Amino acid sequence: MKTFQKYKDRAIRFLEIYSYNDWKIKLYSISIKNEIVSDSHIHSVKENLDLWLKQSSAYSFENYKIGTLIIHEGKEGCFVVFYWWLGENMIQNVVYFKEYDAVDFECISKNGLMMCVWEMEILQHDRNAWVKHVLLKNENPDFNAYLQEQLNIEL
């Protein structure tokens, strides 16, 4: 039986609300290496965002152009989890990965990969914020309050 690596806390840091075209995206960092992911990974992810949105089915369903993007420097390389809200209460996501010595990210979510235990904490936080600011205020959803609910913890 495989021996698992012992769980260690990682810093989950909110970086910014990134505005891209008419999207508002909560940008998060998780790193096994440092407090914050490298500037080069942040820059690379922002450069790829247009292509990733075009390749995904982000425009297939009614959505709010509100999402969360997690850049995670893990043991194997750099993972990017990007998810967004659609159809009132659903999430659509894509996952990209590149090894540390690779140039380009590749989509790895086509076979069902979603996210790891550290990234799931952000998803849970976002779920609770969406319920609080959007679904419970269904007549007048407060998308800005949702965007302002941000997570910064060691977990």
N, C-alpha and C. Protein backbone atom coordinates (compact mmCIF):
# COMPACT_ATOMS: atom_id res chain seq x y z
N MET A 1 0.84 -1.19 0.00
CA MET A 1 0.00 0.00 0.00
C MET A 1 0.88 1.24 0.00
N LYS A 2 0.46 2.24 -0.76
CA LYS A 2 1.19 3.49 -0.88
C LYS A 2 1.24 4.22 0.45
N THR A 3 2.38 4.80 0.75
CA THR A 3 2.51 5.67 1.91
C THR A 3 2.23 7.09 1.47
N PHE A 4 1.32 7.74 2.16
CA PHE A 4 0.94 9.11 1.82
C PHE A 4 1.88 10.10 2.48
N GLN A 5 2.07 11.23 1.81
CA GLN A 5 2.84 12.31 2.39
C GLN A 5 2.01 12.92 3.51
N LYS A 6 2.64 13.20 4.64
CA LYS A 6 1.94 13.78 5.78
C LYS A 6 1.39 15.17 5.41
N TYR A 7 0.14 15.41 5.80
CA TYR A 7 -0.51 16.68 5.53
C TYR A 7 0.21 17.80 6.25
N LYS A 8 0.43 18.90 5.54
CA LYS A 8 1.01 20.11 6.12
C LYS A 8 0.18 21.30 5.67
N ASP A 9 0.01 22.25 6.57
CA ASP A 9 -0.72 23.47 6.22
C ASP A 9 -0.01 24.19 5.07
N ARG A 10 -0.82 24.85 4.29
CA ARG A 10 -0.32 25.73 3.23
C ARG A 10 -1.04 27.07 3.35
N ALA A 11 -0.35 28.12 2.98
CA ALA A 11 -0.95 29.46 3.02
C ALA A 11 -1.92 29.60 1.86
N ILE A 12 -3.15 29.94 2.18
CA ILE A 12 -4.15 30.29 1.17
C ILE A 12 -4.29 31.80 1.24
N ARG A 13 -3.94 32.46 0.14
CA ARG A 13 -3.92 33.92 0.13
C ARG A 13 -4.75 34.47 -1.03
N PHE A 14 -5.62 35.39 -0.68
CA PHE A 14 -6.35 36.14 -1.69
C PHE A 14 -5.38 37.16 -2.29
N LEU A 15 -5.32 37.22 -3.62
CA LEU A 15 -4.41 38.15 -4.28
C LEU A 15 -5.11 39.42 -4.76
N GLU A 16 -6.24 39.26 -5.45
CA GLU A 16 -6.93 40.43 -6.00
C GLU A 16 -8.25 40.00 -6.63
N ILE A 17 -9.09 40.98 -6.88
CA ILE A 17 -10.22 40.78 -7.77
C ILE A 17 -9.72 41.22 -9.13
N TYR A 18 -9.55 40.26 -9.99
CA TYR A 18 -8.99 40.53 -11.31
C TYR A 18 -10.12 40.81 -12.29
N SER A 19 -10.09 41.97 -12.91
CA SER A 19 -11.10 42.33 -13.91
C SER A 19 -10.54 41.99 -15.27
N TYR A 20 -11.28 41.17 -16.00
CA TYR A 20 -10.86 40.78 -17.33
C TYR A 20 -12.07 40.87 -18.25
N ASN A 21 -11.99 41.74 -19.24
CA ASN A 21 -13.15 42.06 -20.07
C ASN A 21 -14.29 42.40 -19.13
N ASP A 22 -15.40 41.71 -19.18
CA ASP A 22 -16.48 42.02 -18.24
C ASP A 22 -16.59 40.98 -17.13
N TRP A 23 -15.52 40.21 -16.92
CA TRP A 23 -15.45 39.23 -15.82
C TRP A 23 -14.85 39.86 -14.57
N LYS A 24 -15.30 39.39 -13.42
CA LYS A 24 -14.69 39.71 -12.11
C LYS A 24 -14.28 38.36 -11.52
N ILE A 25 -12.98 38.22 -11.25
CA ILE A 25 -12.44 36.93 -10.85
C ILE A 25 -11.65 37.08 -9.56
N LYS A 26 -12.04 36.31 -8.54
CA LYS A 26 -11.26 36.25 -7.31
C LYS A 26 -10.01 35.42 -7.60
N LEU A 27 -8.85 36.01 -7.39
CA LEU A 27 -7.59 35.35 -7.68
C LEU A 27 -6.92 34.95 -6.37
N TYR A 28 -6.63 33.64 -6.25
CA TYR A 28 -6.04 33.09 -5.03
C TYR A 28 -4.70 32.42 -5.31
N SER A 29 -3.87 32.37 -4.27
CA SER A 29 -2.57 31.72 -4.30
C SER A 29 -2.51 30.64 -3.23
N ILE A 30 -1.99 29.48 -3.61
CA ILE A 30 -1.61 28.44 -2.66
C ILE A 30 -0.24 27.94 -3.13
N SER A 31 0.70 27.80 -2.20
CA SER A 31 2.02 27.35 -2.63
C SER A 31 2.66 26.45 -1.57
N ILE A 32 3.23 25.37 -2.04
CA ILE A 32 4.01 24.49 -1.18
C ILE A 32 5.39 25.11 -0.93
N LYS A 33 5.77 26.10 -1.77
CA LYS A 33 7.11 26.67 -1.75
C LYS A 33 7.22 27.95 -0.92
N ASN A 34 6.26 28.85 -1.11
CA ASN A 34 6.37 30.20 -0.55
C ASN A 34 5.03 30.67 0.00
N GLU A 35 5.02 31.85 0.54
CA GLU A 35 3.79 32.46 1.03
C GLU A 35 2.81 32.73 -0.12
N ILE A 36 3.35 33.19 -1.25
CA ILE A 36 2.57 33.54 -2.44
C ILE A 36 3.21 32.85 -3.65
N VAL A 37 2.39 32.45 -4.62
CA VAL A 37 2.93 31.86 -5.85
C VAL A 37 3.80 32.87 -6.58
N SER A 38 4.63 32.39 -7.46
CA SER A 38 5.57 33.26 -8.16
C SER A 38 4.85 34.24 -9.09
N ASP A 39 5.47 35.40 -9.26
CA ASP A 39 4.94 36.40 -10.18
C ASP A 39 4.85 35.84 -11.60
N SER A 40 5.79 34.99 -11.97
CA SER A 40 5.77 34.45 -13.33
C SER A 40 4.54 33.56 -13.55
N HIS A 41 4.12 32.81 -12.52
CA HIS A 41 2.91 32.00 -12.67
C HIS A 41 1.66 32.89 -12.74
N ILE A 42 1.62 33.93 -11.94
CA ILE A 42 0.48 34.85 -11.98
C ILE A 42 0.39 35.49 -13.36
N HIS A 43 1.50 35.95 -13.87
CA HIS A 43 1.53 36.58 -15.19
C HIS A 43 1.11 35.60 -16.29
N SER A 44 1.64 34.40 -16.25
CA SER A 44 1.31 33.38 -17.24
C SER A 44 -0.18 33.03 -17.24
N VAL A 45 -0.75 32.91 -16.04
CA VAL A 45 -2.17 32.59 -15.93
C VAL A 45 -3.01 33.71 -16.54
N LYS A 46 -2.68 34.95 -16.23
CA LYS A 46 -3.44 36.07 -16.78
C LYS A 46 -3.32 36.12 -18.31
N GLU A 47 -2.16 35.79 -18.83
CA GLU A 47 -1.97 35.77 -20.28
C GLU A 47 -2.81 34.68 -20.95
N ASN A 48 -3.05 33.58 -20.26
CA ASN A 48 -3.80 32.45 -20.82
C ASN A 48 -5.30 32.56 -20.64
N LEU A 49 -5.76 33.48 -19.83
CA LEU A 49 -7.16 33.53 -19.45
C LEU A 49 -8.10 33.67 -20.65
N ASP A 50 -7.75 34.49 -21.61
CA ASP A 50 -8.60 34.66 -22.78
C ASP A 50 -8.78 33.33 -23.53
N LEU A 51 -7.70 32.65 -23.78
CA LEU A 51 -7.75 31.35 -24.45
C LEU A 51 -8.56 30.35 -23.65
N TRP A 52 -8.34 30.29 -22.34
CA TRP A 52 -9.06 29.32 -21.51
C TRP A 52 -10.56 29.59 -21.51
N LEU A 53 -10.95 30.84 -21.48
CA LEU A 53 -12.38 31.16 -21.53
C LEU A 53 -12.98 30.76 -22.88
N LYS A 54 -12.25 30.96 -23.94
CA LYS A 54 -12.73 30.58 -25.27
C LYS A 54 -12.84 29.06 -25.42
N GLN A 55 -11.90 28.32 -24.82
CA GLN A 55 -11.90 26.86 -24.94
C GLN A 55 -12.93 26.20 -24.04
N SER A 56 -13.31 26.86 -22.99
CA SER A 56 -14.29 26.28 -22.07
C SER A 56 -15.68 26.54 -22.60
N SER A 57 -16.64 26.00 -21.93
CA SER A 57 -18.02 26.28 -22.33
C SER A 57 -18.60 27.39 -21.44
N ALA A 58 -17.74 28.30 -21.03
CA ALA A 58 -18.17 29.39 -20.15
C ALA A 58 -19.31 30.20 -20.73
N TYR A 59 -19.40 30.25 -22.03
CA TYR A 59 -20.45 31.05 -22.65
C TYR A 59 -21.65 30.21 -23.08
N SER A 60 -21.66 28.91 -22.78
CA SER A 60 -22.74 28.02 -23.19
C SER A 60 -23.99 28.17 -22.32
N PHE A 61 -23.83 28.55 -21.09
CA PHE A 61 -24.93 28.69 -20.16
C PHE A 61 -24.97 30.13 -19.66
N GLU A 62 -26.15 30.54 -19.19
CA GLU A 62 -26.22 31.86 -18.58
C GLU A 62 -25.31 31.87 -17.35
N ASN A 63 -24.41 32.81 -17.32
CA ASN A 63 -23.54 32.94 -16.14
C ASN A 63 -23.43 34.41 -15.78
N TYR A 64 -22.75 34.66 -14.68
CA TYR A 64 -22.68 36.01 -14.12
C TYR A 64 -21.33 36.66 -14.38
N LYS A 65 -20.46 35.93 -15.08
CA LYS A 65 -19.10 36.39 -15.35
C LYS A 65 -18.40 36.75 -14.04
N ILE A 66 -18.66 35.88 -13.05
CA ILE A 66 -18.03 35.98 -11.74
C ILE A 66 -17.43 34.62 -11.43
N GLY A 67 -16.15 34.60 -11.12
CA GLY A 67 -15.51 33.32 -10.86
C GLY A 67 -14.38 33.42 -9.87
N THR A 68 -13.74 32.29 -9.67
CA THR A 68 -12.59 32.19 -8.80
C THR A 68 -11.50 31.43 -9.54
N LEU A 69 -10.29 31.92 -9.44
CA LEU A 69 -9.15 31.29 -10.08
C LEU A 69 -8.08 31.05 -9.01
N ILE A 70 -7.70 29.80 -8.85
CA ILE A 70 -6.71 29.41 -7.84
C ILE A 70 -5.43 28.98 -8.56
N ILE A 71 -4.33 29.62 -8.23
CA ILE A 71 -3.02 29.21 -8.72
C ILE A 71 -2.35 28.47 -7.57
N HIS A 72 -2.01 27.21 -7.80
CA HIS A 72 -1.49 26.36 -6.72
C HIS A 72 -0.17 25.73 -7.15
N GLU A 73 0.91 26.20 -6.53
CA GLU A 73 2.21 25.58 -6.74
C GLU A 73 2.29 24.38 -5.81
N GLY A 74 2.08 23.21 -6.40
CA GLY A 74 2.08 21.97 -5.63
C GLY A 74 3.38 21.21 -5.80
N LYS A 75 3.39 20.02 -5.30
CA LYS A 75 4.57 19.16 -5.36
C LYS A 75 4.92 18.81 -6.81
N GLU A 76 3.92 18.53 -7.63
CA GLU A 76 4.13 18.05 -8.99
C GLU A 76 4.39 19.15 -10.00
N GLY A 77 3.93 20.37 -9.70
CA GLY A 77 4.02 21.49 -10.63
C GLY A 77 2.98 22.53 -10.25
N CYS A 78 2.62 23.36 -11.21
CA CYS A 78 1.65 24.44 -10.95
C CYS A 78 0.28 24.05 -11.51
N PHE A 79 -0.71 24.03 -10.63
CA PHE A 79 -2.09 23.75 -10.99
C PHE A 79 -2.85 25.07 -11.02
N VAL A 80 -3.82 25.16 -11.93
CA VAL A 80 -4.72 26.30 -11.99
C VAL A 80 -6.13 25.74 -12.01
N VAL A 81 -6.92 26.12 -11.02
CA VAL A 81 -8.32 25.73 -10.95
C VAL A 81 -9.13 27.00 -11.17
N PHE A 82 -9.97 26.98 -12.20
CA PHE A 82 -10.79 28.14 -12.53
C PHE A 82 -12.24 27.68 -12.56
N TYR A 83 -13.06 28.30 -11.72
CA TYR A 83 -14.49 27.97 -11.73
C TYR A 83 -15.31 29.24 -11.66
N TRP A 84 -16.56 29.12 -12.17
CA TRP A 84 -17.44 30.27 -12.22
C TRP A 84 -18.87 29.82 -11.98
N TRP A 85 -19.68 30.79 -11.57
CA TRP A 85 -21.08 30.53 -11.23
C TRP A 85 -21.95 30.64 -12.47
N LEU A 86 -22.90 29.73 -12.60
CA LEU A 86 -23.88 29.78 -13.67
C LEU A 86 -25.18 29.16 -13.20
N GLY A 87 -26.26 29.51 -13.91
CA GLY A 87 -27.56 28.93 -13.60
C GLY A 87 -27.98 29.08 -12.15
N GLU A 88 -27.74 30.20 -11.56
CA GLU A 88 -28.06 30.56 -10.18
C GLU A 88 -27.17 29.89 -9.14
N ASN A 89 -27.05 28.55 -9.17
CA ASN A 89 -26.44 27.86 -8.04
C ASN A 89 -25.49 26.74 -8.45
N MET A 90 -24.97 26.79 -9.68
CA MET A 90 -24.05 25.75 -10.14
C MET A 90 -22.68 26.34 -10.43
N ILE A 91 -21.69 25.46 -10.41
CA ILE A 91 -20.32 25.85 -10.73
C ILE A 91 -19.84 25.02 -11.91
N GLN A 92 -19.16 25.68 -12.80
CA GLN A 92 -18.45 25.00 -13.88
C GLN A 92 -16.97 25.26 -13.65
N ASN A 93 -16.14 24.24 -13.93
CA ASN A 93 -14.72 24.45 -13.68
C ASN A 93 -13.85 23.79 -14.74
N VAL A 94 -12.63 24.31 -14.84
CA VAL A 94 -11.57 23.71 -15.64
C VAL A 94 -10.30 23.72 -14.79
N VAL A 95 -9.43 22.75 -15.05
CA VAL A 95 -8.17 22.65 -14.32
C VAL A 95 -7.04 22.55 -15.34
N TYR A 96 -6.02 23.36 -15.13
CA TYR A 96 -4.83 23.36 -15.97
C TYR A 96 -3.62 23.00 -15.11
N PHE A 97 -2.58 22.50 -15.78
CA PHE A 97 -1.38 22.07 -15.06
C PHE A 97 -0.16 22.28 -15.95
N LYS A 98 0.95 22.62 -15.32
CA LYS A 98 2.24 22.57 -16.00
C LYS A 98 3.30 22.19 -15.01
N GLU A 99 4.20 21.33 -15.45
CA GLU A 99 5.34 20.98 -14.62
C GLU A 99 6.22 22.21 -14.48
N TYR A 100 7.03 22.25 -13.44
CA TYR A 100 7.81 23.46 -13.18
C TYR A 100 8.76 23.82 -14.31
N ASP A 101 9.26 22.84 -15.04
CA ASP A 101 10.19 23.14 -16.13
C ASP A 101 9.50 23.26 -17.49
N ALA A 102 8.18 23.14 -17.52
CA ALA A 102 7.42 23.25 -18.78
C ALA A 102 7.12 24.69 -19.12
N VAL A 103 6.80 24.93 -20.38
CA VAL A 103 6.48 26.27 -20.84
C VAL A 103 4.99 26.54 -20.75
N ASP A 104 4.18 25.59 -21.22
CA ASP A 104 2.75 25.81 -21.36
C ASP A 104 1.93 24.98 -20.37
N PHE A 105 0.76 25.52 -20.03
CA PHE A 105 -0.22 24.78 -19.24
C PHE A 105 -1.01 23.87 -20.17
N GLU A 106 -1.49 22.75 -19.64
CA GLU A 106 -2.38 21.88 -20.39
C GLU A 106 -3.64 21.62 -19.56
N CYS A 107 -4.75 21.48 -20.26
CA CYS A 107 -6.02 21.21 -19.58
C CYS A 107 -6.00 19.76 -19.10
N ILE A 108 -6.23 19.55 -17.80
CA ILE A 108 -6.23 18.19 -17.25
C ILE A 108 -7.56 17.82 -16.62
N SER A 109 -8.57 18.65 -16.81
CA SER A 109 -9.87 18.37 -16.19
C SER A 109 -10.80 17.57 -17.10
N LYS A 110 -10.39 17.29 -18.30
CA LYS A 110 -11.26 16.59 -19.25
C LYS A 110 -11.66 15.20 -18.76
N ASN A 111 -10.84 14.59 -17.92
CA ASN A 111 -11.15 13.26 -17.40
C ASN A 111 -11.71 13.30 -15.99
N GLY A 112 -12.14 14.47 -15.54
CA GLY A 112 -12.84 14.56 -14.27
C GLY A 112 -12.06 15.14 -13.10
N LEU A 113 -10.76 15.41 -13.25
CA LEU A 113 -10.00 16.00 -12.14
C LEU A 113 -10.60 17.34 -11.77
N MET A 114 -10.81 17.56 -10.48
CA MET A 114 -11.45 18.79 -10.05
C MET A 114 -10.54 19.66 -9.19
N MET A 115 -10.20 19.21 -7.99
CA MET A 115 -9.35 20.01 -7.10
C MET A 115 -8.88 19.18 -5.92
N CYS A 116 -7.91 19.73 -5.18
CA CYS A 116 -7.33 19.03 -4.03
C CYS A 116 -7.91 19.58 -2.72
N VAL A 117 -7.45 19.04 -1.61
CA VAL A 117 -8.02 19.39 -0.30
C VAL A 117 -7.80 20.86 0.06
N TRP A 118 -6.68 21.46 -0.34
CA TRP A 118 -6.45 22.88 -0.03
C TRP A 118 -7.37 23.76 -0.87
N GLU A 119 -7.52 23.43 -2.15
CA GLU A 119 -8.38 24.20 -3.04
C GLU A 119 -9.84 24.09 -2.64
N MET A 120 -10.22 22.94 -2.10
CA MET A 120 -11.61 22.74 -1.68
C MET A 120 -12.02 23.71 -0.57
N GLU A 121 -11.08 24.16 0.24
CA GLU A 121 -11.40 25.13 1.29
C GLU A 121 -11.88 26.45 0.68
N ILE A 122 -11.26 26.85 -0.42
CA ILE A 122 -11.69 28.07 -1.11
C ILE A 122 -13.07 27.85 -1.70
N LEU A 123 -13.30 26.69 -2.30
CA LEU A 123 -14.62 26.37 -2.86
C LEU A 123 -15.70 26.42 -1.78
N GLN A 124 -15.42 25.85 -0.62
CA GLN A 124 -16.40 25.88 0.47
C GLN A 124 -16.68 27.31 0.91
N HIS A 125 -15.63 28.10 1.04
CA HIS A 125 -15.78 29.50 1.41
C HIS A 125 -16.65 30.25 0.38
N ASP A 126 -16.36 30.03 -0.91
CA ASP A 126 -17.12 30.68 -1.96
C ASP A 126 -18.57 30.21 -1.99
N ARG A 127 -18.79 28.95 -1.74
CA ARG A 127 -20.15 28.41 -1.69
C ARG A 127 -20.96 29.14 -0.63
N ASN A 128 -20.38 29.25 0.57
CA ASN A 128 -21.08 29.92 1.67
C ASN A 128 -21.33 31.40 1.37
N ALA A 129 -20.37 32.06 0.73
CA ALA A 129 -20.53 33.48 0.38
C ALA A 129 -21.60 33.64 -0.70
N TRP A 130 -21.67 32.71 -1.65
CA TRP A 130 -22.69 32.77 -2.71
C TRP A 130 -24.09 32.61 -2.13
N VAL A 131 -24.23 31.67 -1.22
CA VAL A 131 -25.54 31.48 -0.57
C VAL A 131 -25.92 32.74 0.20
N LYS A 132 -24.99 33.27 0.97
CA LYS A 132 -25.26 34.43 1.83
C LYS A 132 -25.61 35.69 1.03
N HIS A 133 -24.85 35.98 -0.01
CA HIS A 133 -24.99 37.27 -0.70
C HIS A 133 -25.83 37.22 -1.98
N VAL A 134 -26.03 36.01 -2.52
CA VAL A 134 -26.77 35.92 -3.78
C VAL A 134 -28.07 35.15 -3.61
N LEU A 135 -28.00 33.92 -3.13
CA LEU A 135 -29.20 33.09 -3.07
C LEU A 135 -30.16 33.52 -1.97
N LEU A 136 -29.64 33.93 -0.82
CA LEU A 136 -30.54 34.38 0.25
C LEU A 136 -31.07 35.79 -0.02
N LYS A 137 -30.43 36.50 -0.94
CA LYS A 137 -30.89 37.83 -1.34
C LYS A 137 -31.36 37.76 -2.79
N ASN A 138 -32.12 36.72 -3.10
CA ASN A 138 -32.49 36.41 -4.48
C ASN A 138 -33.19 37.56 -5.21
N GLU A 139 -33.90 38.39 -4.50
CA GLU A 139 -34.60 39.50 -5.16
C GLU A 139 -33.65 40.65 -5.49
N ASN A 140 -32.55 40.73 -4.76
CA ASN A 140 -31.56 41.78 -4.99
C ASN A 140 -30.17 41.23 -4.65
N PRO A 141 -29.64 40.32 -5.46
CA PRO A 141 -28.35 39.71 -5.15
C PRO A 141 -27.23 40.75 -5.07
N ASP A 142 -26.33 40.56 -4.12
CA ASP A 142 -25.23 41.50 -3.91
C ASP A 142 -23.92 40.85 -4.37
N PHE A 143 -23.66 40.93 -5.67
CA PHE A 143 -22.46 40.31 -6.24
C PHE A 143 -21.18 40.96 -5.71
N ASN A 144 -21.22 42.25 -5.45
CA ASN A 144 -20.03 42.92 -4.92
C ASN A 144 -19.69 42.42 -3.53
N ALA A 145 -20.71 42.20 -2.69
CA ALA A 145 -20.44 41.65 -1.35
C ALA A 145 -19.86 40.25 -1.47
N TYR A 146 -20.36 39.46 -2.42
CA TYR A 146 -19.79 38.13 -2.65
C TYR A 146 -18.30 38.25 -3.01
N LEU A 147 -17.98 39.15 -3.92
CA LEU A 147 -16.58 39.32 -4.33
C LEU A 147 -15.69 39.78 -3.18
N GLN A 148 -16.26 40.55 -2.25
CA GLN A 148 -15.48 41.05 -1.12
C GLN A 148 -15.27 40.00 -0.01
N GLU A 149 -15.98 38.89 -0.07
CA GLU A 149 -15.77 37.79 0.90
C GLU A 149 -14.55 37.01 0.43
N GLN A 150 -13.43 37.21 1.12
CA GLN A 150 -12.16 36.63 0.71
C GLN A 150 -11.53 35.83 1.83
N LEU A 151 -10.73 34.87 1.46
CA LEU A 151 -10.16 33.92 2.41
C LEU A 151 -8.66 34.10 2.48
N ASN A 152 -8.12 34.22 3.67
CA ASN A 152 -6.67 34.27 3.92
C ASN A 152 -6.41 33.46 5.17
N ILE A 153 -5.93 32.23 5.01
CA ILE A 153 -5.69 31.35 6.16
C ILE A 153 -4.50 30.43 5.91
N GLU A 154 -4.05 29.83 6.99
CA GLU A 154 -3.11 28.71 6.92
C GLU A 154 -3.94 27.47 7.13
N LEU A 155 -3.89 26.56 6.18
CA LEU A 155 -4.74 25.38 6.30
C LEU A 155 -4.04 24.16 5.78
